[in-house]
Amino acid sequence: IVLTLLSSGMAWADAVDALRDFARDVKSGRAAFTQTVTSPDGKRKKLSSGSFEFERPNRFRFAYAKPFEQIIVADGQKVWIFDADLNQASSRKLADALGATPA
């Protein structure tokens, strides 16, 4: 049992180190994503998908395709949000928009 706990602790440390290395070393990237928002009881509430790109520092682009089109872009100074259904764009200062989020 102790060996199992130690090895799972090592796996956790390896994962944390890998995330730290990624955050330190990777300067840009892109991927497709699927986002699921769930309620506290675990039931699926909303499923979204699209693509994501980033370039450090402070530049990123989310292009949501489903369930509706929306583009979120950070240019290093501001975050811009374009809602295709409303044909409307808005912006906020980057620091105000991100706050304490993981972004």
PDB file of N, CA and C in Angstrom:
ATOM      1  N   ILE A   1       0.827  -1.187   0.000  1.00  0.00           N
ATOM      2  CA  ILE A   1       0.000   0.000   0.000  1.00  0.00           C
ATOM      3  C   ILE A   1       0.871   1.251   0.000  1.00  0.00           C
ATOM      4  N   VAL A   2       1.934   1.280   0.778  1.00  0.00           N
ATOM      5  CA  VAL A   2       2.821   2.439   0.837  1.00  0.00           C
ATOM      6  C   VAL A   2       3.470   2.678  -0.517  1.00  0.00           C
ATOM      7  N   LEU A   3       3.895   1.589  -1.181  1.00  0.00           N
ATOM      8  CA  LEU A   3       4.509   1.711  -2.495  1.00  0.00           C
ATOM      9  C   LEU A   3       3.526   2.320  -3.490  1.00  0.00           C
ATOM     10  N   THR A   4       2.276   1.920  -3.450  1.00  0.00           N
ATOM     11  CA  THR A   4       1.258   2.478  -4.333  1.00  0.00           C
ATOM     12  C   THR A   4       1.085   3.965  -4.078  1.00  0.00           C
ATOM     13  N   LEU A   5       1.023   4.371  -2.819  1.00  0.00           N
ATOM     14  CA  LEU A   5       0.877   5.781  -2.491  1.00  0.00           C
ATOM     15  C   LEU A   5       2.086   6.583  -2.949  1.00  0.00           C
ATOM     16  N   LEU A   6       3.276   6.030  -2.764  1.00  0.00           N
ATOM     17  CA  LEU A   6       4.480   6.726  -3.198  1.00  0.00           C
ATOM     18  C   LEU A   6       4.523   6.866  -4.713  1.00  0.00           C
ATOM     19  N   SER A   7       4.173   5.814  -5.424  1.00  0.00           N
ATOM     20  CA  SER A   7       4.226   5.893  -6.882  1.00  0.00           C
ATOM     21  C   SER A   7       3.157   6.842  -7.416  1.00  0.00           C
ATOM     22  N   SER A   8       1.974   6.895  -6.802  1.00  0.00           N
ATOM     23  CA  SER A   8       0.955   7.840  -7.266  1.00  0.00           C
ATOM     24  C   SER A   8       1.397   9.265  -6.950  1.00  0.00           C
ATOM     25  N   GLY A   9       2.103   9.454  -5.846  1.00  0.00           N
ATOM     26  CA  GLY A   9       2.656  10.766  -5.522  1.00  0.00           C
ATOM     27  C   GLY A   9       3.701  11.194  -6.525  1.00  0.00           C
ATOM     28  N   MET A  10       4.525  10.244  -6.987  1.00  0.00           N
ATOM     29  CA  MET A  10       5.529  10.551  -8.002  1.00  0.00           C
ATOM     30  C   MET A  10       4.869  10.910  -9.328  1.00  0.00           C
ATOM     31  N   ALA A  11       3.819  10.203  -9.693  1.00  0.00           N
ATOM     32  CA  ALA A  11       3.098  10.512 -10.931  1.00  0.00           C
ATOM     33  C   ALA A  11       2.519  11.918 -10.860  1.00  0.00           C
ATOM     34  N   TRP A  12       1.982  12.287  -9.702  1.00  0.00           N
ATOM     35  CA  TRP A  12       1.440  13.633  -9.515  1.00  0.00           C
ATOM     36  C   TRP A  12       2.553  14.663  -9.676  1.00  0.00           C
ATOM     37  N   ALA A  13       3.700  14.416  -9.051  1.00  0.00           N
ATOM     38  CA  ALA A  13       4.830  15.335  -9.152  1.00  0.00           C
ATOM     39  C   ALA A  13       5.294  15.454 -10.602  1.00  0.00           C
ATOM     40  N   ASP A  14       5.335  14.343 -11.330  1.00  0.00           N
ATOM     41  CA  ASP A  14       5.719  14.377 -12.740  1.00  0.00           C
ATOM     42  C   ASP A  14       4.738  15.215 -13.553  1.00  0.00           C
ATOM     43  N   ALA A  15       3.455  15.078 -13.282  1.00  0.00           N
ATOM     44  CA  ALA A  15       2.437  15.846 -13.999  1.00  0.00           C
ATOM     45  C   ALA A  15       2.569  17.333 -13.690  1.00  0.00           C
ATOM     46  N   VAL A  16       2.810  17.666 -12.445  1.00  0.00           N
ATOM     47  CA  VAL A  16       2.980  19.063 -12.049  1.00  0.00           C
ATOM     48  C   VAL A  16       4.236  19.631 -12.706  1.00  0.00           C
ATOM     49  N   ASP A  17       5.314  18.872 -12.710  1.00  0.00           N
ATOM     50  CA  ASP A  17       6.546  19.323 -13.366  1.00  0.00           C
ATOM     51  C   ASP A  17       6.322  19.528 -14.864  1.00  0.00           C
ATOM     52  N   ALA A  18       5.595  18.620 -15.488  1.00  0.00           N
ATOM     53  CA  ALA A  18       5.317  18.740 -16.918  1.00  0.00           C
ATOM     54  C   ALA A  18       4.500  20.005 -17.199  1.00  0.00           C
ATOM     55  N   LEU A  19       3.510  20.298 -16.347  1.00  0.00           N
ATOM     56  CA  LEU A  19       2.716  21.511 -16.516  1.00  0.00           C
ATOM     57  C   LEU A  19       3.575  22.761 -16.315  1.00  0.00           C
ATOM     58  N   ARG A  20       4.435  22.748 -15.326  1.00  0.00           N
ATOM     59  CA  ARG A  20       5.346  23.887 -15.107  1.00  0.00           C
ATOM     60  C   ARG A  20       6.264  24.084 -16.312  1.00  0.00           C
ATOM     61  N   ASP A  21       6.819  22.984 -16.843  1.00  0.00           N
ATOM     62  CA  ASP A  21       7.687  23.071 -18.023  1.00  0.00           C
ATOM     63  C   ASP A  21       6.928  23.647 -19.210  1.00  0.00           C
ATOM     64  N   PHE A  22       5.702  23.181 -19.403  1.00  0.00           N
ATOM     65  CA  PHE A  22       4.866  23.685 -20.496  1.00  0.00           C
ATOM     66  C   PHE A  22       4.652  25.192 -20.333  1.00  0.00           C
ATOM     67  N   ALA A  23       4.248  25.613 -19.149  1.00  0.00           N
ATOM     68  CA  ALA A  23       3.976  27.027 -18.903  1.00  0.00           C
ATOM     69  C   ALA A  23       5.218  27.887 -19.095  1.00  0.00           C
ATOM     70  N   ARG A  24       6.367  27.359 -18.768  1.00  0.00           N
ATOM     71  CA  ARG A  24       7.613  28.110 -18.889  1.00  0.00           C
ATOM     72  C   ARG A  24       8.144  28.126 -20.323  1.00  0.00           C
ATOM     73  N   ASP A  25       8.076  26.994 -21.021  1.00  0.00           N
ATOM     74  CA  ASP A  25       8.792  26.839 -22.283  1.00  0.00           C
ATOM     75  C   ASP A  25       7.969  27.056 -23.547  1.00  0.00           C
ATOM     76  N   VAL A  26       6.690  26.762 -23.518  1.00  0.00           N
ATOM     77  CA  VAL A  26       5.883  26.828 -24.740  1.00  0.00           C
ATOM     78  C   VAL A  26       5.452  28.275 -24.982  1.00  0.00           C
ATOM     79  N   LYS A  27       5.733  28.773 -26.165  1.00  0.00           N
ATOM     80  CA  LYS A  27       5.448  30.168 -26.501  1.00  0.00           C
ATOM     81  C   LYS A  27       4.199  30.341 -27.353  1.00  0.00           C
ATOM     82  N   SER A  28       3.779  29.291 -28.045  1.00  0.00           N
ATOM     83  CA  SER A  28       2.576  29.392 -28.872  1.00  0.00           C
ATOM     84  C   SER A  28       2.018  27.994 -29.114  1.00  0.00           C
ATOM     85  N   GLY A  29       0.770  27.961 -29.524  1.00  0.00           N
ATOM     86  CA  GLY A  29       0.138  26.685 -29.820  1.00  0.00           C
ATOM     87  C   GLY A  29      -1.266  26.869 -30.343  1.00  0.00           C
ATOM     88  N   ARG A  30      -1.842  25.766 -30.804  1.00  0.00           N
ATOM     89  CA  ARG A  30      -3.225  25.779 -31.281  1.00  0.00           C
ATOM     90  C   ARG A  30      -3.806  24.391 -31.138  1.00  0.00           C
ATOM     91  N   ALA A  31      -5.107  24.340 -30.978  1.00  0.00           N
ATOM     92  CA  ALA A  31      -5.792  23.056 -30.815  1.00  0.00           C
ATOM     93  C   ALA A  31      -7.282  23.242 -31.033  1.00  0.00           C
ATOM     94  N   ALA A  32      -7.949  22.145 -31.300  1.00  0.00           N
ATOM     95  CA  ALA A  32      -9.410  22.109 -31.287  1.00  0.00           C
ATOM     96  C   ALA A  32      -9.822  21.748 -29.866  1.00  0.00           C
ATOM     97  N   PHE A  33     -10.997  22.185 -29.439  1.00  0.00           N
ATOM     98  CA  PHE A  33     -11.425  21.870 -28.088  1.00  0.00           C
ATOM     99  C   PHE A  33     -12.916  21.558 -28.036  1.00  0.00           C
ATOM    100  N   THR A  34     -13.281  20.846 -26.991  1.00  0.00           N
ATOM    101  CA  THR A  34     -14.663  20.641 -26.595  1.00  0.00           C
ATOM    102  C   THR A  34     -14.751  21.031 -25.132  1.00  0.00           C
ATOM    103  N   GLN A  35     -15.708  21.880 -24.803  1.00  0.00           N
ATOM    104  CA  GLN A  35     -15.870  22.393 -23.449  1.00  0.00           C
ATOM    105  C   GLN A  35     -17.214  21.925 -22.910  1.00  0.00           C
ATOM    106  N   THR A  36     -17.196  21.339 -21.725  1.00  0.00           N
ATOM    107  CA  THR A  36     -18.422  20.896 -21.082  1.00  0.00           C
ATOM    108  C   THR A  36     -18.583  21.642 -19.765  1.00  0.00           C
ATOM    109  N   VAL A  37     -19.702  22.297 -19.611  1.00  0.00           N
ATOM    110  CA  VAL A  37     -20.033  22.984 -18.362  1.00  0.00           C
ATOM    111  C   VAL A  37     -21.068  22.131 -17.651  1.00  0.00           C
ATOM    112  N   THR A  38     -20.763  21.767 -16.416  1.00  0.00           N
ATOM    113  CA  THR A  38     -21.671  20.903 -15.660  1.00  0.00           C
ATOM    114  C   THR A  38     -22.202  21.616 -14.427  1.00  0.00           C
ATOM    115  N   SER A  39     -23.358  21.166 -14.002  1.00  0.00           N
ATOM    116  CA  SER A  39     -23.959  21.701 -12.786  1.00  0.00           C
ATOM    117  C   SER A  39     -23.306  21.037 -11.574  1.00  0.00           C
ATOM    118  N   PRO A  40     -23.496  21.589 -10.393  1.00  0.00           N
ATOM    119  CA  PRO A  40     -22.895  20.996  -9.193  1.00  0.00           C
ATOM    120  C   PRO A  40     -23.283  19.527  -8.971  1.00  0.00           C
ATOM    121  N   ASP A  41     -24.437  19.111  -9.457  1.00  0.00           N
ATOM    122  CA  ASP A  41     -24.841  17.712  -9.270  1.00  0.00           C
ATOM    123  C   ASP A  41     -24.247  16.789 -10.328  1.00  0.00           C
ATOM    124  N   GLY A  42     -23.433  17.343 -11.254  1.00  0.00           N
ATOM    125  CA  GLY A  42     -22.737  16.524 -12.235  1.00  0.00           C
ATOM    126  C   GLY A  42     -23.459  16.320 -13.552  1.00  0.00           C
ATOM    127  N   LYS A  43     -24.640  16.840 -13.695  1.00  0.00           N
ATOM    128  CA  LYS A  43     -25.364  16.700 -14.963  1.00  0.00           C
ATOM    129  C   LYS A  43     -24.790  17.673 -15.986  1.00  0.00           C
ATOM    130  N   ARG A  44     -24.661  17.201 -17.215  1.00  0.00           N
ATOM    131  CA  ARG A  44     -24.135  18.067 -18.268  1.00  0.00           C
ATOM    132  C   ARG A  44     -25.151  19.156 -18.581  1.00  0.00           C
ATOM    133  N   LYS A  45     -24.691  20.388 -18.634  1.00  0.00           N
ATOM    134  CA  LYS A  45     -25.569  21.511 -18.918  1.00  0.00           C
ATOM    135  C   LYS A  45     -25.337  22.086 -20.310  1.00  0.00           C
ATOM    136  N   LYS A  46     -24.065  22.222 -20.696  1.00  0.00           N
ATOM    137  CA  LYS A  46     -23.760  22.901 -21.949  1.00  0.00           C
ATOM    138  C   LYS A  46     -22.497  22.313 -22.574  1.00  0.00           C
ATOM    139  N   LEU A  47     -22.545  22.072 -23.865  1.00  0.00           N
ATOM    140  CA  LEU A  47     -21.409  21.554 -24.614  1.00  0.00           C
ATOM    141  C   LEU A  47     -21.070  22.554 -25.711  1.00  0.00           C
ATOM    142  N   SER A  48     -19.823  22.986 -25.757  1.00  0.00           N
ATOM    143  CA  SER A  48     -19.347  23.919 -26.770  1.00  0.00           C
ATOM    144  C   SER A  48     -18.113  23.336 -27.430  1.00  0.00           C
ATOM    145  N   SER A  49     -17.833  23.772 -28.664  1.00  0.00           N
ATOM    146  CA  SER A  49     -16.621  23.318 -29.341  1.00  0.00           C
ATOM    147  C   SER A  49     -16.113  24.411 -30.266  1.00  0.00           C
ATOM    148  N   GLY A  50     -14.831  24.282 -30.607  1.00  0.00           N
ATOM    149  CA  GLY A  50     -14.215  25.260 -31.491  1.00  0.00           C
ATOM    150  C   GLY A  50     -12.722  25.061 -31.554  1.00  0.00           C
ATOM    151  N   SER A  51     -12.006  26.164 -31.772  1.00  0.00           N
ATOM    152  CA  SER A  51     -10.547  26.104 -31.845  1.00  0.00           C
ATOM    153  C   SER A  51      -9.951  27.187 -30.947  1.00  0.00           C
ATOM    154  N   PHE A  52      -8.692  26.977 -30.587  1.00  0.00           N
ATOM    155  CA  PHE A  52      -7.986  27.867 -29.672  1.00  0.00           C
ATOM    156  C   PHE A  52      -6.561  28.041 -30.169  1.00  0.00           C
ATOM    157  N   GLU A  53      -6.069  29.272 -30.126  1.00  0.00           N
ATOM    158  CA  GLU A  53      -4.675  29.563 -30.450  1.00  0.00           C
ATOM    159  C   GLU A  53      -4.139  30.528 -29.397  1.00  0.00           C
ATOM    160  N   PHE A  54      -2.849  30.431 -29.103  1.00  0.00           N
ATOM    161  CA  PHE A  54      -2.244  31.400 -28.194  1.00  0.00           C
ATOM    162  C   PHE A  54      -0.820  31.695 -28.614  1.00  0.00           C
ATOM    163  N   GLU A  55      -0.383  32.884 -28.257  1.00  0.00           N
ATOM    164  CA  GLU A  55       0.999  33.304 -28.451  1.00  0.00           C
ATOM    165  C   GLU A  55       1.354  34.180 -27.260  1.00  0.00           C
ATOM    166  N   ARG A  56       2.432  33.824 -26.606  1.00  0.00           N
ATOM    167  CA  ARG A  56       2.836  34.576 -25.425  1.00  0.00           C
ATOM    168  C   ARG A  56       3.600  35.815 -25.834  1.00  0.00           C
ATOM    169  N   PRO A  57       3.452  36.886 -25.099  1.00  0.00           N
ATOM    170  CA  PRO A  57       2.601  37.016 -23.915  1.00  0.00           C
ATOM    171  C   PRO A  57       1.222  37.584 -24.260  1.00  0.00           C
ATOM    172  N   ASN A  58       0.226  37.123 -23.584  1.00  0.00           N
ATOM    173  CA  ASN A  58      -1.105  37.735 -23.530  1.00  0.00           C
ATOM    174  C   ASN A  58      -1.881  37.822 -24.840  1.00  0.00           C
ATOM    175  N   ARG A  59      -1.623  36.929 -25.762  1.00  0.00           N
ATOM    176  CA  ARG A  59      -2.384  36.928 -27.019  1.00  0.00           C
ATOM    177  C   ARG A  59      -3.023  35.559 -27.195  1.00  0.00           C
ATOM    178  N   PHE A  60      -4.332  35.569 -27.432  1.00  0.00           N
ATOM    179  CA  PHE A  60      -5.027  34.312 -27.683  1.00  0.00           C
ATOM    180  C   PHE A  60      -6.276  34.549 -28.508  1.00  0.00           C
ATOM    181  N   ARG A  61      -6.792  33.454 -29.057  1.00  0.00           N
ATOM    182  CA  ARG A  61      -8.008  33.513 -29.878  1.00  0.00           C
ATOM    183  C   ARG A  61      -8.807  32.234 -29.652  1.00  0.00           C
ATOM    184  N   PHE A  62     -10.022  32.377 -29.159  1.00  0.00           N
ATOM    185  CA  PHE A  62     -10.979  31.284 -29.084  1.00  0.00           C
ATOM    186  C   PHE A  62     -11.983  31.506 -30.200  1.00  0.00           C
ATOM    187  N   ALA A  63     -12.224  30.502 -31.015  1.00  0.00           N
ATOM    188  CA  ALA A  63     -13.255  30.571 -32.047  1.00  0.00           C
ATOM    189  C   ALA A  63     -14.266  29.468 -31.752  1.00  0.00           C
ATOM    190  N   TYR A  64     -15.352  29.837 -31.103  1.00  0.00           N
ATOM    191  CA  TYR A  64     -16.417  28.875 -30.799  1.00  0.00           C
ATOM    192  C   TYR A  64     -17.237  28.644 -32.060  1.00  0.00           C
ATOM    193  N   ALA A  65     -17.480  27.385 -32.391  1.00  0.00           N
ATOM    194  CA  ALA A  65     -18.295  27.034 -33.551  1.00  0.00           C
ATOM    195  C   ALA A  65     -19.688  26.578 -33.130  1.00  0.00           C
ATOM    196  N   LYS A  66     -19.758  25.816 -32.029  1.00  0.00           N
ATOM    197  CA  LYS A  66     -21.029  25.282 -31.543  1.00  0.00           C
ATOM    198  C   LYS A  66     -21.155  25.557 -30.060  1.00  0.00           C
ATOM    199  N   PRO A  67     -22.271  25.819 -29.521  1.00  0.00           N
ATOM    200  CA  PRO A  67     -23.603  25.800 -30.122  1.00  0.00           C
ATOM    201  C   PRO A  67     -23.903  27.054 -30.933  1.00  0.00           C
ATOM    202  N   PHE A  68     -23.087  28.116 -30.791  1.00  0.00           N
ATOM    203  CA  PHE A  68     -23.242  29.306 -31.619  1.00  0.00           C
ATOM    204  C   PHE A  68     -21.866  29.912 -31.845  1.00  0.00           C
ATOM    205  N   GLU A  69     -21.732  30.671 -32.926  1.00  0.00           N
ATOM    206  CA  GLU A  69     -20.440  31.255 -33.267  1.00  0.00           C
ATOM    207  C   GLU A  69     -20.116  32.440 -32.368  1.00  0.00           C
ATOM    208  N   GLN A  70     -18.904  32.414 -31.853  1.00  0.00           N
ATOM    209  CA  GLN A  70     -18.401  33.524 -31.046  1.00  0.00           C
ATOM    210  C   GLN A  70     -16.882  33.504 -31.139  1.00  0.00           C
ATOM    211  N   ILE A  71     -16.287  34.671 -31.235  1.00  0.00           N
ATOM    212  CA  ILE A  71     -14.825  34.775 -31.288  1.00  0.00           C
ATOM    213  C   ILE A  71     -14.367  35.656 -30.140  1.00  0.00           C
ATOM    214  N   ILE A  72     -13.370  35.178 -29.405  1.00  0.00           N
ATOM    215  CA  ILE A  72     -12.782  35.929 -28.300  1.00  0.00           C
ATOM    216  C   ILE A  72     -11.294  36.073 -28.610  1.00  0.00           C
ATOM    217  N   VAL A  73     -10.828  37.306 -28.685  1.00  0.00           N
ATOM    218  CA  VAL A  73      -9.441  37.576 -29.066  1.00  0.00           C
ATOM    219  C   VAL A  73      -8.807  38.508 -28.045  1.00  0.00           C
ATOM    220  N   ALA A  74      -7.612  38.178 -27.608  1.00  0.00           N
ATOM    221  CA  ALA A  74      -6.811  39.073 -26.770  1.00  0.00           C
ATOM    222  C   ALA A  74      -5.613  39.520 -27.591  1.00  0.00           C
ATOM    223  N   ASP A  75      -5.430  40.831 -27.686  1.00  0.00           N
ATOM    224  CA  ASP A  75      -4.337  41.372 -28.493  1.00  0.00           C
ATOM    225  C   ASP A  75      -3.151  41.846 -27.655  1.00  0.00           C
ATOM    226  N   GLY A  76      -3.156  41.502 -26.373  1.00  0.00           N
ATOM    227  CA  GLY A  76      -2.092  41.928 -25.482  1.00  0.00           C
ATOM    228  C   GLY A  76      -2.501  43.108 -24.618  1.00  0.00           C
ATOM    229  N   GLN A  77      -3.465  43.891 -25.071  1.00  0.00           N
ATOM    230  CA  GLN A  77      -3.960  45.046 -24.327  1.00  0.00           C
ATOM    231  C   GLN A  77      -5.428  44.897 -23.940  1.00  0.00           C
ATOM    232  N   LYS A  78      -6.223  44.383 -24.871  1.00  0.00           N
ATOM    233  CA  LYS A  78      -7.665  44.251 -24.681  1.00  0.00           C
ATOM    234  C   LYS A  78      -8.132  42.854 -25.056  1.00  0.00           C
ATOM    235  N   VAL A  79      -9.300  42.487 -24.535  1.00  0.00           N
ATOM    236  CA  VAL A  79      -9.990  41.272 -24.951  1.00  0.00           C
ATOM    237  C   VAL A  79     -11.210  41.715 -25.759  1.00  0.00           C
ATOM    238  N   TRP A  80     -11.317  41.188 -26.953  1.00  0.00           N
ATOM    239  CA  TRP A  80     -12.425  41.511 -27.848  1.00  0.00           C
ATOM    240  C   TRP A  80     -13.331  40.290 -27.941  1.00  0.00           C
ATOM    241  N   ILE A  81     -14.628  40.509 -27.886  1.00  0.00           N
ATOM    242  CA  ILE A  81     -15.603  39.430 -28.022  1.00  0.00           C
ATOM    243  C   ILE A  81     -16.546  39.792 -29.161  1.00  0.00           C
ATOM    244  N   PHE A  82     -16.634  38.903 -30.145  1.00  0.00           N
ATOM    245  CA  PHE A  82     -17.545  39.106 -31.270  1.00  0.00           C
ATOM    246  C   PHE A  82     -18.593  38.011 -31.255  1.00  0.00           C
ATOM    247  N   ASP A  83     -19.847  38.398 -31.198  1.00  0.00           N
ATOM    248  CA  ASP A  83     -20.979  37.476 -31.242  1.00  0.00           C
ATOM    249  C   ASP A  83     -21.590  37.560 -32.636  1.00  0.00           C
ATOM    250  N   ALA A  84     -21.444  36.483 -33.417  1.00  0.00           N
ATOM    251  CA  ALA A  84     -21.911  36.481 -34.799  1.00  0.00           C
ATOM    252  C   ALA A  84     -23.430  36.608 -34.888  1.00  0.00           C
ATOM    253  N   ASP A  85     -24.166  35.960 -33.991  1.00  0.00           N
ATOM    254  CA  ASP A  85     -25.631  36.036 -34.029  1.00  0.00           C
ATOM    255  C   ASP A  85     -26.128  37.465 -33.829  1.00  0.00           C
ATOM    256  N   LEU A  86     -25.479  38.200 -32.964  1.00  0.00           N
ATOM    257  CA  LEU A  86     -25.876  39.585 -32.692  1.00  0.00           C
ATOM    258  C   LEU A  86     -25.176  40.584 -33.609  1.00  0.00           C
ATOM    259  N   ASN A  87     -24.160  40.113 -34.344  1.00  0.00           N
ATOM    260  CA  ASN A  87     -23.321  40.975 -35.166  1.00  0.00           C
ATOM    261  C   ASN A  87     -22.803  42.143 -34.322  1.00  0.00           C
ATOM    262  N   GLN A  88     -22.262  41.778 -33.149  1.00  0.00           N
ATOM    263  CA  GLN A  88     -21.855  42.780 -32.164  1.00  0.00           C
ATOM    264  C   GLN A  88     -20.495  42.426 -31.576  1.00  0.00           C
ATOM    265  N   ALA A  89     -19.662  43.442 -31.405  1.00  0.00           N
ATOM    266  CA  ALA A  89     -18.360  43.261 -30.776  1.00  0.00           C
ATOM    267  C   ALA A  89     -18.270  44.154 -29.541  1.00  0.00           C
ATOM    268  N   SER A  90     -17.542  43.676 -28.551  1.00  0.00           N
ATOM    269  CA  SER A  90     -17.288  44.478 -27.354  1.00  0.00           C
ATOM    270  C   SER A  90     -15.847  44.222 -26.923  1.00  0.00           C
ATOM    271  N   SER A  91     -15.308  45.128 -26.097  1.00  0.00           N
ATOM    272  CA  SER A  91     -13.931  44.946 -25.627  1.00  0.00           C
ATOM    273  C   SER A  91     -13.810  45.429 -24.191  1.00  0.00           C
ATOM    274  N   ARG A  92     -12.794  44.878 -23.518  1.00  0.00           N
ATOM    275  CA  ARG A  92     -12.452  45.266 -22.150  1.00  0.00           C
ATOM    276  C   ARG A  92     -10.941  45.220 -22.037  1.00  0.00           C
ATOM    277  N   LYS A  93     -10.404  45.947 -21.071  1.00  0.00           N
ATOM    278  CA  LYS A  93      -8.974  45.852 -20.811  1.00  0.00           C
ATOM    279  C   LYS A  93      -8.645  44.419 -20.414  1.00  0.00           C
ATOM    280  N   LEU A  94      -7.515  43.932 -20.888  1.00  0.00           N
ATOM    281  CA  LEU A  94      -7.110  42.547 -20.639  1.00  0.00           C
ATOM    282  C   LEU A  94      -7.103  42.223 -19.153  1.00  0.00           C
ATOM    283  N   ALA A  95      -6.498  43.061 -18.327  1.00  0.00           N
ATOM    284  CA  ALA A  95      -6.415  42.795 -16.886  1.00  0.00           C
ATOM    285  C   ALA A  95      -7.796  42.717 -16.245  1.00  0.00           C
ATOM    286  N   ASP A  96      -8.731  43.548 -16.680  1.00  0.00           N
ATOM    287  CA  ASP A  96     -10.084  43.543 -16.130  1.00  0.00           C
ATOM    288  C   ASP A  96     -10.853  42.298 -16.567  1.00  0.00           C
ATOM    289  N   ALA A  97     -10.619  41.850 -17.790  1.00  0.00           N
ATOM    290  CA  ALA A  97     -11.370  40.722 -18.347  1.00  0.00           C
ATOM    291  C   ALA A  97     -10.913  39.387 -17.776  1.00  0.00           C
ATOM    292  N   LEU A  98      -9.620  39.222 -17.537  1.00  0.00           N
ATOM    293  CA  LEU A  98      -9.108  37.932 -17.114  1.00  0.00           C
ATOM    294  C   LEU A  98      -9.125  37.754 -15.605  1.00  0.00           C
ATOM    295  N   GLY A  99      -8.835  38.794 -14.866  1.00  0.00           N
ATOM    296  CA  GLY A  99      -8.851  38.711 -13.412  1.00  0.00           C
ATOM    297  C   GLY A  99      -8.047  37.540 -12.896  1.00  0.00           C
ATOM    298  N   ALA A 100      -8.680  36.676 -12.125  1.00  0.00           N
ATOM    299  CA  ALA A 100      -8.011  35.526 -11.525  1.00  0.00           C
ATOM    300  C   ALA A 100      -8.311  34.231 -12.272  1.00  0.00           C
ATOM    301  N   THR A 101      -8.662  34.323 -13.560  1.00  0.00           N
ATOM    302  CA  THR A 101      -8.955  33.123 -14.328  1.00  0.00           C
ATOM    303  C   THR A 101      -7.680  32.375 -14.687  1.00  0.00           C
ATOM    304  N   PRO A 102      -7.774  31.102 -15.068  1.00  0.00           N
ATOM    305  CA  PRO A 102      -6.590  30.359 -15.495  1.00  0.00           C
ATOM    306  C   PRO A 102      -5.937  30.927 -16.749  1.00  0.00           C
ATOM    307  N   ALA A 103      -6.686  31.638 -17.573  1.00  0.00           N
ATOM    308  CA  ALA A 103      -6.103  32.228 -18.776  1.00  0.00           C
ATOM    309  C   ALA A 103      -4.981  33.165 -18.408  1.00  0.00           C
TER     310      ALA A 103
END
